[in-house]
Structures are given as structure tokens and as C-alpha cells.
Amino acid sequence: MEDIFCILAIQWSDDFEPNTSIKSNRGSVWIKTLTFISNDDQQNNINNTYSIAIGHKGDDHNNIERFYAQELNELKNGINNRFFRRL
């Protein structure tokens, strides 16, 4: 019998200004992250957050969003979703 584990995650995307940019040439950045919710009461633990994509703010990010949605759909439908955990 296979164990079933619920994995909770939050996806987030936004743009920001790098700290090292100067006002005349800011070069805004866009990032998409995924944070897994842990059950060990560690709130906002950076070790649970992963960068999915990073690029320029003004670029078209639809291809990344489509690819991400496709992977979630495959996971939901049982395609390529065999995982192992260390006891």
C-alpha cells in the first residue's frame, strides 16, 4: 500500500528593483517562487522557498506560467509524480 502525503505550497511572483541598481538604469527584475508549507512550525523559513524563474520585469512570462501549470497538472493526474522520502 502506498502512503499519501498532502504537500501544501504557495506560489508567488512579483517584480522588484535590485539593491545594486542606480536610479537611471534600474533594470527591474521579475521572479516566481514556490514555498512549501512545513509542519514544524517554522514560519517564513527560507529553506522552504525555491526560485522557479527569474527574468526582466517587462518580458512576457506566459511561457513560464504555462510550463508551471502543465507540471502541476501532470502532478495532479499522476504523471511523473513518484517520490521517495527518507525515514
PDB file of N, CA and C in Angstrom:
ATOM      1  N   MET A   1       0.840  -1.173   0.000  1.00  0.00           N
ATOM      2  CA  MET A   1       0.000   0.000   0.000  1.00  0.00           C
ATOM      3  C   MET A   1       0.889   1.242   0.000  1.00  0.00           C
ATOM      4  N   GLU A   2       0.521   2.226  -0.797  1.00  0.00           N
ATOM      5  CA  GLU A   2       1.286   3.459  -0.881  1.00  0.00           C
ATOM      6  C   GLU A   2       0.726   4.489   0.082  1.00  0.00           C
ATOM      7  N   ASP A   3       1.627   5.205   0.745  1.00  0.00           N
ATOM      8  CA  ASP A   3       1.218   6.305   1.614  1.00  0.00           C
ATOM      9  C   ASP A   3       0.905   7.528   0.768  1.00  0.00           C
ATOM     10  N   ILE A   4      -0.054   8.284   1.216  1.00  0.00           N
ATOM     11  CA  ILE A   4      -0.413   9.529   0.543  1.00  0.00           C
ATOM     12  C   ILE A   4      -0.041  10.674   1.466  1.00  0.00           C
ATOM     13  N   PHE A   5       0.681  11.650   0.917  1.00  0.00           N
ATOM     14  CA  PHE A   5       1.084  12.818   1.672  1.00  0.00           C
ATOM     15  C   PHE A   5       0.523  14.060   1.005  1.00  0.00           C
ATOM     16  N   CYS A   6      -0.060  14.918   1.780  1.00  0.00           N
ATOM     17  CA  CYS A   6      -0.515  16.209   1.269  1.00  0.00           C
ATOM     18  C   CYS A   6       0.660  17.179   1.350  1.00  0.00           C
ATOM     19  N   ILE A   7       0.945  17.837   0.250  1.00  0.00           N
ATOM     20  CA  ILE A   7       2.026  18.823   0.198  1.00  0.00           C
ATOM     21  C   ILE A   7       1.387  20.166  -0.109  1.00  0.00           C
ATOM     22  N   LEU A   8       1.521  21.069   0.825  1.00  0.00           N
ATOM     23  CA  LEU A   8       0.961  22.402   0.644  1.00  0.00           C
ATOM     24  C   LEU A   8       2.063  23.366   0.229  1.00  0.00           C
ATOM     25  N   ALA A   9       1.737  24.208  -0.742  1.00  0.00           N
ATOM     26  CA  ALA A   9       2.726  25.164  -1.237  1.00  0.00           C
ATOM     27  C   ALA A   9       2.025  26.447  -1.655  1.00  0.00           C
ATOM     28  N   ILE A  10       2.792  27.505  -1.639  1.00  0.00           N
ATOM     29  CA  ILE A  10       2.307  28.814  -2.085  1.00  0.00           C
ATOM     30  C   ILE A  10       3.204  29.275  -3.225  1.00  0.00           C
ATOM     31  N   GLN A  11       2.594  29.612  -4.362  1.00  0.00           N
ATOM     32  CA  GLN A  11       3.360  30.180  -5.461  1.00  0.00           C
ATOM     33  C   GLN A  11       3.202  31.693  -5.403  1.00  0.00           C
ATOM     34  N   TRP A  12       4.247  32.378  -5.803  1.00  0.00           N
ATOM     35  CA  TRP A  12       4.249  33.828  -5.725  1.00  0.00           C
ATOM     36  C   TRP A  12       5.111  34.371  -6.854  1.00  0.00           C
ATOM     37  N   SER A  13       4.681  35.462  -7.441  1.00  0.00           N
ATOM     38  CA  SER A  13       5.531  36.137  -8.435  1.00  0.00           C
ATOM     39  C   SER A  13       5.312  37.636  -8.312  1.00  0.00           C
ATOM     40  N   ASP A  14       6.390  38.375  -8.530  1.00  0.00           N
ATOM     41  CA  ASP A  14       6.331  39.827  -8.438  1.00  0.00           C
ATOM     42  C   ASP A  14       7.605  40.403  -9.044  1.00  0.00           C
ATOM     43  N   ASP A  15       7.621  41.710  -9.219  1.00  0.00           N
ATOM     44  CA  ASP A  15       8.834  42.350  -9.703  1.00  0.00           C
ATOM     45  C   ASP A  15       9.430  43.194  -8.587  1.00  0.00           C
ATOM     46  N   PHE A  16      10.713  43.490  -8.734  1.00  0.00           N
ATOM     47  CA  PHE A  16      11.419  44.260  -7.716  1.00  0.00           C
ATOM     48  C   PHE A  16      12.612  44.961  -8.341  1.00  0.00           C
ATOM     49  N   GLU A  17      13.165  45.876  -7.595  1.00  0.00           N
ATOM     50  CA  GLU A  17      14.368  46.597  -8.010  1.00  0.00           C
ATOM     51  C   GLU A  17      15.558  46.018  -7.253  1.00  0.00           C
ATOM     52  N   PRO A  18      16.604  45.591  -7.955  1.00  0.00           N
ATOM     53  CA  PRO A  18      17.788  45.082  -7.256  1.00  0.00           C
ATOM     54  C   PRO A  18      18.421  46.173  -6.392  1.00  0.00           C
ATOM     55  N   ASN A  19      18.984  45.789  -5.272  1.00  0.00           N
ATOM     56  CA  ASN A  19      19.624  46.747  -4.360  1.00  0.00           C
ATOM     57  C   ASN A  19      20.789  47.478  -5.000  1.00  0.00           C
ATOM     58  N   THR A  20      21.458  46.847  -5.946  1.00  0.00           N
ATOM     59  CA  THR A  20      22.661  47.438  -6.530  1.00  0.00           C
ATOM     60  C   THR A  20      22.357  48.321  -7.732  1.00  0.00           C
ATOM     61  N   SER A  21      21.077  48.487  -8.086  1.00  0.00           N
ATOM     62  CA  SER A  21      20.768  49.283  -9.273  1.00  0.00           C
ATOM     63  C   SER A  21      20.818  50.772  -8.956  1.00  0.00           C
ATOM     64  N   ILE A  22      21.108  51.574  -9.976  1.00  0.00           N
ATOM     65  CA  ILE A  22      21.074  53.023  -9.821  1.00  0.00           C
ATOM     66  C   ILE A  22      19.782  53.537 -10.455  1.00  0.00           C
ATOM     67  N   LYS A  23      19.337  54.690 -10.033  1.00  0.00           N
ATOM     68  CA  LYS A  23      18.033  55.182 -10.484  1.00  0.00           C
ATOM     69  C   LYS A  23      17.937  55.381 -11.986  1.00  0.00           C
ATOM     70  N   SER A  24      19.027  55.721 -12.652  1.00  0.00           N
ATOM     71  CA  SER A  24      18.947  55.974 -14.087  1.00  0.00           C
ATOM     72  C   SER A  24      18.869  54.690 -14.912  1.00  0.00           C
ATOM     73  N   ASN A  25      19.243  53.558 -14.345  1.00  0.00           N
ATOM     74  CA  ASN A  25      19.211  52.290 -15.073  1.00  0.00           C
ATOM     75  C   ASN A  25      18.850  51.166 -14.106  1.00  0.00           C
ATOM     76  N   ARG A  26      17.618  51.156 -13.670  1.00  0.00           N
ATOM     77  CA  ARG A  26      17.216  50.240 -12.604  1.00  0.00           C
ATOM     78  C   ARG A  26      17.230  48.776 -13.024  1.00  0.00           C
ATOM     79  N   GLY A  27      16.732  48.449 -14.182  1.00  0.00           N
ATOM     80  CA  GLY A  27      16.714  47.052 -14.605  1.00  0.00           C
ATOM     81  C   GLY A  27      15.825  46.199 -13.729  1.00  0.00           C
ATOM     82  N   SER A  28      14.531  46.502 -13.664  1.00  0.00           N
ATOM     83  CA  SER A  28      13.593  45.780 -12.811  1.00  0.00           C
ATOM     84  C   SER A  28      13.609  44.288 -13.112  1.00  0.00           C
ATOM     85  N   VAL A  29      13.458  43.501 -12.070  1.00  0.00           N
ATOM     86  CA  VAL A  29      13.537  42.044 -12.156  1.00  0.00           C
ATOM     87  C   VAL A  29      12.187  41.443 -11.782  1.00  0.00           C
ATOM     88  N   TRP A  30      11.810  40.352 -12.452  1.00  0.00           N
ATOM     89  CA  TRP A  30      10.617  39.581 -12.137  1.00  0.00           C
ATOM     90  C   TRP A  30      11.071  38.225 -11.606  1.00  0.00           C
ATOM     91  N   ILE A  31      10.385  37.722 -10.572  1.00  0.00           N
ATOM     92  CA  ILE A  31      10.729  36.414 -10.005  1.00  0.00           C
ATOM     93  C   ILE A  31       9.460  35.648  -9.670  1.00  0.00           C
ATOM     94  N   LYS A  32       9.531  34.328  -9.823  1.00  0.00           N
ATOM     95  CA  LYS A  32       8.448  33.420  -9.425  1.00  0.00           C
ATOM     96  C   LYS A  32       9.051  32.432  -8.441  1.00  0.00           C
ATOM     97  N   THR A  33       8.402  32.279  -7.293  1.00  0.00           N
ATOM     98  CA  THR A  33       8.902  31.365  -6.265  1.00  0.00           C
ATOM     99  C   THR A  33       7.815  30.391  -5.841  1.00  0.00           C
ATOM    100  N   LEU A  34       8.254  29.324  -5.195  1.00  0.00           N
ATOM    101  CA  LEU A  34       7.357  28.324  -4.629  1.00  0.00           C
ATOM    102  C   LEU A  34       7.833  28.043  -3.211  1.00  0.00           C
ATOM    103  N   THR A  35       6.942  28.210  -2.243  1.00  0.00           N
ATOM    104  CA  THR A  35       7.254  27.960  -0.843  1.00  0.00           C
ATOM    105  C   THR A  35       6.420  26.789  -0.351  1.00  0.00           C
ATOM    106  N   PHE A  36       7.087  25.784   0.179  1.00  0.00           N
ATOM    107  CA  PHE A  36       6.401  24.632   0.755  1.00  0.00           C
ATOM    108  C   PHE A  36       6.087  24.920   2.215  1.00  0.00           C
ATOM    109  N   ILE A  37       4.860  24.602   2.623  1.00  0.00           N
ATOM    110  CA  ILE A  37       4.431  24.819   3.987  1.00  0.00           C
ATOM    111  C   ILE A  37       4.892  23.620   4.813  1.00  0.00           C
ATOM    112  N   SER A  38       5.699  23.898   5.823  1.00  0.00           N
ATOM    113  CA  SER A  38       6.216  22.812   6.654  1.00  0.00           C
ATOM    114  C   SER A  38       5.325  22.620   7.878  1.00  0.00           C
ATOM    115  N   ASN A  39       5.428  21.459   8.457  1.00  0.00           N
ATOM    116  CA  ASN A  39       4.625  21.164   9.641  1.00  0.00           C
ATOM    117  C   ASN A  39       5.440  21.293  10.926  1.00  0.00           C
ATOM    118  N   ASP A  40       6.607  21.917  10.838  1.00  0.00           N
ATOM    119  CA  ASP A  40       7.455  22.042  12.019  1.00  0.00           C
ATOM    120  C   ASP A  40       7.381  23.438  12.637  1.00  0.00           C
ATOM    121  N   ASP A  41       6.313  24.166  12.345  1.00  0.00           N
ATOM    122  CA  ASP A  41       6.058  25.485  12.928  1.00  0.00           C
ATOM    123  C   ASP A  41       7.148  26.511  12.636  1.00  0.00           C
ATOM    124  N   GLN A  42       7.910  26.308  11.565  1.00  0.00           N
ATOM    125  CA  GLN A  42       8.919  27.289  11.174  1.00  0.00           C
ATOM    126  C   GLN A  42       8.293  28.212  10.138  1.00  0.00           C
ATOM    127  N   GLN A  43       7.898  29.364  10.563  1.00  0.00           N
ATOM    128  CA  GLN A  43       7.275  30.304   9.649  1.00  0.00           C
ATOM    129  C   GLN A  43       8.341  31.055   8.860  1.00  0.00           C
ATOM    130  N   ASN A  44       8.077  31.266   7.592  1.00  0.00           N
ATOM    131  CA  ASN A  44       8.956  32.027   6.705  1.00  0.00           C
ATOM    132  C   ASN A  44      10.384  31.488   6.677  1.00  0.00           C
ATOM    133  N   ASN A  45      10.544  30.198   6.702  1.00  0.00           N
ATOM    134  CA  ASN A  45      11.870  29.588   6.628  1.00  0.00           C
ATOM    135  C   ASN A  45      12.349  29.630   5.186  1.00  0.00           C
ATOM    136  N   ILE A  46      13.452  30.300   4.945  1.00  0.00           N
ATOM    137  CA  ILE A  46      13.983  30.459   3.584  1.00  0.00           C
ATOM    138  C   ILE A  46      14.346  29.112   2.959  1.00  0.00           C
ATOM    139  N   ASN A  47      14.624  28.109   3.768  1.00  0.00           N
ATOM    140  CA  ASN A  47      14.971  26.790   3.243  1.00  0.00           C
ATOM    141  C   ASN A  47      13.789  26.098   2.574  1.00  0.00           C
ATOM    142  N   ASN A  48      12.581  26.614   2.769  1.00  0.00           N
ATOM    143  CA  ASN A  48      11.389  26.027   2.162  1.00  0.00           C
ATOM    144  C   ASN A  48      10.943  26.778   0.901  1.00  0.00           C
ATOM    145  N   THR A  49      11.704  27.769   0.488  1.00  0.00           N
ATOM    146  CA  THR A  49      11.343  28.582  -0.673  1.00  0.00           C
ATOM    147  C   THR A  49      12.334  28.348  -1.799  1.00  0.00           C
ATOM    148  N   TYR A  50      11.797  28.152  -3.009  1.00  0.00           N
ATOM    149  CA  TYR A  50      12.611  27.839  -4.181  1.00  0.00           C
ATOM    150  C   TYR A  50      12.263  28.787  -5.317  1.00  0.00           C
ATOM    151  N   SER A  51      13.280  29.265  -6.012  1.00  0.00           N
ATOM    152  CA  SER A  51      13.056  30.092  -7.196  1.00  0.00           C
ATOM    153  C   SER A  51      12.654  29.189  -8.358  1.00  0.00           C
ATOM    154  N   ILE A  52      11.574  29.539  -9.021  1.00  0.00           N
ATOM    155  CA  ILE A  52      11.099  28.792 -10.183  1.00  0.00           C
ATOM    156  C   ILE A  52      11.629  29.448 -11.456  1.00  0.00           C
ATOM    157  N   ALA A  53      11.564  30.784 -11.501  1.00  0.00           N
ATOM    158  CA  ALA A  53      12.025  31.519 -12.682  1.00  0.00           C
ATOM    159  C   ALA A  53      12.393  32.933 -12.275  1.00  0.00           C
ATOM    160  N   ILE A  54      13.294  33.517 -13.067  1.00  0.00           N
ATOM    161  CA  ILE A  54      13.685  34.904 -12.848  1.00  0.00           C
ATOM    162  C   ILE A  54      13.974  35.525 -14.209  1.00  0.00           C
ATOM    163  N   GLY A  55      13.583  36.781 -14.379  1.00  0.00           N
ATOM    164  CA  GLY A  55      13.800  37.440 -15.657  1.00  0.00           C
ATOM    165  C   GLY A  55      13.544  38.929 -15.549  1.00  0.00           C
ATOM    166  N   HIS A  56      13.516  39.597 -16.689  1.00  0.00           N
ATOM    167  CA  HIS A  56      13.251  41.036 -16.717  1.00  0.00           C
ATOM    168  C   HIS A  56      11.768  41.296 -16.456  1.00  0.00           C
ATOM    169  N   LYS A  57      11.485  42.389 -15.789  1.00  0.00           N
ATOM    170  CA  LYS A  57      10.108  42.753 -15.452  1.00  0.00           C
ATOM    171  C   LYS A  57       9.228  42.872 -16.696  1.00  0.00           C
ATOM    172  N   GLY A  58       9.703  43.496 -17.733  1.00  0.00           N
ATOM    173  CA  GLY A  58       8.893  43.766 -18.915  1.00  0.00           C
ATOM    174  C   GLY A  58       8.729  42.606 -19.878  1.00  0.00           C
ATOM    175  N   ASP A  59       9.428  41.503 -19.642  1.00  0.00           N
ATOM    176  CA  ASP A  59       9.338  40.350 -20.547  1.00  0.00           C
ATOM    177  C   ASP A  59       7.993  39.645 -20.425  1.00  0.00           C
ATOM    178  N   ASP A  60       7.634  38.899 -21.450  1.00  0.00           N
ATOM    179  CA  ASP A  60       6.428  38.077 -21.431  1.00  0.00           C
ATOM    180  C   ASP A  60       6.723  36.798 -20.639  1.00  0.00           C
ATOM    181  N   HIS A  61       5.985  36.570 -19.564  1.00  0.00           N
ATOM    182  CA  HIS A  61       6.211  35.413 -18.703  1.00  0.00           C
ATOM    183  C   HIS A  61       5.175  34.312 -18.921  1.00  0.00           C
ATOM    184  N   ASN A  62       4.384  34.428 -19.980  1.00  0.00           N
ATOM    185  CA  ASN A  62       3.323  33.445 -20.230  1.00  0.00           C
ATOM    186  C   ASN A  62       3.865  32.035 -20.462  1.00  0.00           C
ATOM    187  N   ASN A  63       4.999  31.893 -21.137  1.00  0.00           N
ATOM    188  CA  ASN A  63       5.557  30.556 -21.361  1.00  0.00           C
ATOM    189  C   ASN A  63       5.929  29.886 -20.046  1.00  0.00           C
ATOM    190  N   ILE A  64       6.502  30.637 -19.139  1.00  0.00           N
ATOM    191  CA  ILE A  64       6.847  30.084 -17.825  1.00  0.00           C
ATOM    192  C   ILE A  64       5.596  29.686 -17.074  1.00  0.00           C
ATOM    193  N   GLU A  65       4.575  30.537 -17.087  1.00  0.00           N
ATOM    194  CA  GLU A  65       3.326  30.229 -16.388  1.00  0.00           C
ATOM    195  C   GLU A  65       2.653  28.987 -16.988  1.00  0.00           C
ATOM    196  N   ARG A  66       2.691  28.851 -18.325  1.00  0.00           N
ATOM    197  CA  ARG A  66       2.106  27.663 -18.972  1.00  0.00           C
ATOM    198  C   ARG A  66       2.862  26.394 -18.580  1.00  0.00           C
ATOM    199  N   PHE A  67       4.186  26.460 -18.599  1.00  0.00           N
ATOM    200  CA  PHE A  67       5.001  25.308 -18.231  1.00  0.00           C
ATOM    201  C   PHE A  67       4.753  24.911 -16.782  1.00  0.00           C
ATOM    202  N   TYR A  68       4.679  25.884 -15.899  1.00  0.00           N
ATOM    203  CA  TYR A  68       4.408  25.627 -14.481  1.00  0.00           C
ATOM    204  C   TYR A  68       3.026  24.976 -14.316  1.00  0.00           C
ATOM    205  N   ALA A  69       2.011  25.512 -14.992  1.00  0.00           N
ATOM    206  CA  ALA A  69       0.661  24.941 -14.921  1.00  0.00           C
ATOM    207  C   ALA A  69       0.637  23.516 -15.474  1.00  0.00           C
ATOM    208  N   GLN A  70       1.391  23.259 -16.547  1.00  0.00           N
ATOM    209  CA  GLN A  70       1.466  21.913 -17.122  1.00  0.00           C
ATOM    210  C   GLN A  70       2.070  20.930 -16.119  1.00  0.00           C
ATOM    211  N   GLU A  71       3.150  21.330 -15.454  1.00  0.00           N
ATOM    212  CA  GLU A  71       3.767  20.446 -14.466  1.00  0.00           C
ATOM    213  C   GLU A  71       2.831  20.168 -13.288  1.00  0.00           C
ATOM    214  N   LEU A  72       2.102  21.187 -12.836  1.00  0.00           N
ATOM    215  CA  LEU A  72       1.130  20.970 -11.754  1.00  0.00           C
ATOM    216  C   LEU A  72       0.018  20.022 -12.195  1.00  0.00           C
ATOM    217  N   ASN A  73      -0.423  20.175 -13.438  1.00  0.00           N
ATOM    218  CA  ASN A  73      -1.469  19.305 -13.959  1.00  0.00           C
ATOM    219  C   ASN A  73      -0.989  17.856 -14.060  1.00  0.00           C
ATOM    220  N   GLU A  74       0.262  17.653 -14.505  1.00  0.00           N
ATOM    221  CA  GLU A  74       0.832  16.301 -14.559  1.00  0.00           C
ATOM    222  C   GLU A  74       0.927  15.699 -13.165  1.00  0.00           C
ATOM    223  N   LEU A  75       1.338  16.497 -12.211  1.00  0.00           N
ATOM    224  CA  LEU A  75       1.420  16.024 -10.833  1.00  0.00           C
ATOM    225  C   LEU A  75       0.036  15.621 -10.317  1.00  0.00           C
ATOM    226  N   LYS A  76      -0.949  16.442 -10.604  1.00  0.00           N
ATOM    227  CA  LYS A  76      -2.322  16.170 -10.167  1.00  0.00           C
ATOM    228  C   LYS A  76      -2.873  14.897 -10.806  1.00  0.00           C
ATOM    229  N   ASN A  77      -2.507  14.625 -12.057  1.00  0.00           N
ATOM    230  CA  ASN A  77      -3.047  13.485 -12.792  1.00  0.00           C
ATOM    231  C   ASN A  77      -2.193  12.232 -12.698  1.00  0.00           C
ATOM    232  N   GLY A  78      -1.173  12.249 -11.844  1.00  0.00           N
ATOM    233  CA  GLY A  78      -0.376  11.043 -11.620  1.00  0.00           C
ATOM    234  C   GLY A  78       0.713  10.798 -12.639  1.00  0.00           C
ATOM    235  N   ILE A  79       1.097  11.816 -13.380  1.00  0.00           N
ATOM    236  CA  ILE A  79       2.163  11.676 -14.375  1.00  0.00           C
ATOM    237  C   ILE A  79       3.457  12.200 -13.753  1.00  0.00           C
ATOM    238  N   ASN A  80       4.506  11.357 -13.776  1.00  0.00           N
ATOM    239  CA  ASN A  80       5.821  11.759 -13.249  1.00  0.00           C
ATOM    240  C   ASN A  80       5.751  12.245 -11.804  1.00  0.00           C
ATOM    241  N   ASN A  81       5.029  11.535 -10.955  1.00  0.00           N
ATOM    242  CA  ASN A  81       4.908  12.014  -9.585  1.00  0.00           C
ATOM    243  C   ASN A  81       5.242  10.950  -8.533  1.00  0.00           C
ATOM    244  N   ARG A  82       6.209  10.126  -8.805  1.00  0.00           N
ATOM    245  CA  ARG A  82       6.641   9.154  -7.807  1.00  0.00           C
ATOM    246  C   ARG A  82       7.759   9.779  -6.983  1.00  0.00           C
ATOM    247  N   PHE A  83       7.548   9.848  -5.686  1.00  0.00           N
ATOM    248  CA  PHE A  83       8.504  10.475  -4.780  1.00  0.00           C
ATOM    249  C   PHE A  83       8.922   9.479  -3.715  1.00  0.00           C
ATOM    250  N   PHE A  84      10.082   9.722  -3.169  1.00  0.00           N
ATOM    251  CA  PHE A  84      10.600   8.878  -2.100  1.00  0.00           C
ATOM    252  C   PHE A  84      11.013   9.784  -0.947  1.00  0.00           C
ATOM    253  N   ARG A  85      10.888   9.264   0.248  1.00  0.00           N
ATOM    254  CA  ARG A  85      11.352  10.029   1.393  1.00  0.00           C
ATOM    255  C   ARG A  85      12.177   9.155   2.291  1.00  0.00           C
ATOM    256  N   ARG A  86      13.122   9.748   2.923  1.00  0.00           N
ATOM    257  CA  ARG A  86      13.989   9.043   3.849  1.00  0.00           C
ATOM    258  C   ARG A  86      13.314   8.980   5.205  1.00  0.00           C
ATOM    259  N   LEU A  87      13.263   7.818   5.797  1.00  0.00           N
ATOM    260  CA  LEU A  87      12.650   7.684   7.118  1.00  0.00           C
ATOM    261  C   LEU A  87      13.626   7.955   8.218  1.00  0.00           C
TER     262      LEU A  87
END
